[in-house]
């Protein structure tokens, strides 16, 4: 804490120079043009859309990624055949992803501080037997080789949530299998209130078999020189292969009637 003597030395000098500084600031404020830093950041993010995404090649490793496998089978199949993904995220979408990444990192840092070497952060997953690769957010290892999978998700709001989103459970189930985790939890961070919710769950064999059926369907399509049908979601506009997707190219994200989607699926089955 500053003592009175310090104020006695500093205050007179401040009072002596303040009028000149204020005058210069007022003159500059009339001369300078107002700038919106937030607009400049969004422009910067928009310009980055023209740069190649280095991750688009490294992630196309010929394996299925759980997050895509439970989202859209067409996208997952393109990973399988090593199609380079071309991302064109809108600035606000890219900002959302970066915020989510930052939230992952600080929560993982907390767990690393809490559990030390027992927290395996960004655990690389590679299982050739079921053609799965990716990264589990965190695997916690306790005595007796008790292993808990922790998947971290961010949401604008968790109000009213009573259970995890099904696609998140499906994604986590594949990581439970590859990492031998009978126990798992999905941790949601509310970006508005900063509240945290977690939903513990046990490995579910039925969900695992459902995901393996999707892999089998994709493999069958690829083996006959075809691709599985698209499965439209709210994220089609950000998809790295929507330029290769009949649904997106024809409809630009408009939700087709179920009859049209069934016809598209039937056309795929016939070829």
Foldseek 3Di string as FASTA:
>chain_A
DDDPVVCVVPVVVCVVCVVVVVVVVVVVVVVDDDDDVVVVQQVVLQVCLVPFDPVQQVQLPLFFELLCLLPKLLLRLCSNVRPRFRFRDRSVRVVVVVVFVVVLVVVLVVVCVVQPPQKDAQQWFDDPVLRYTGTQGIWGADPPRAIEGEAEEEDQDCPPDDADDPSVVLNVLVVCVRSVHQKYKYWYAHPNPRDIDIDIDGRDVVSVVVSSVSVVVQVVLVVVVHGAATDADPCLNRTRCVVVHPCCVVPVRDDDPPVVSVVVRVVSVVD
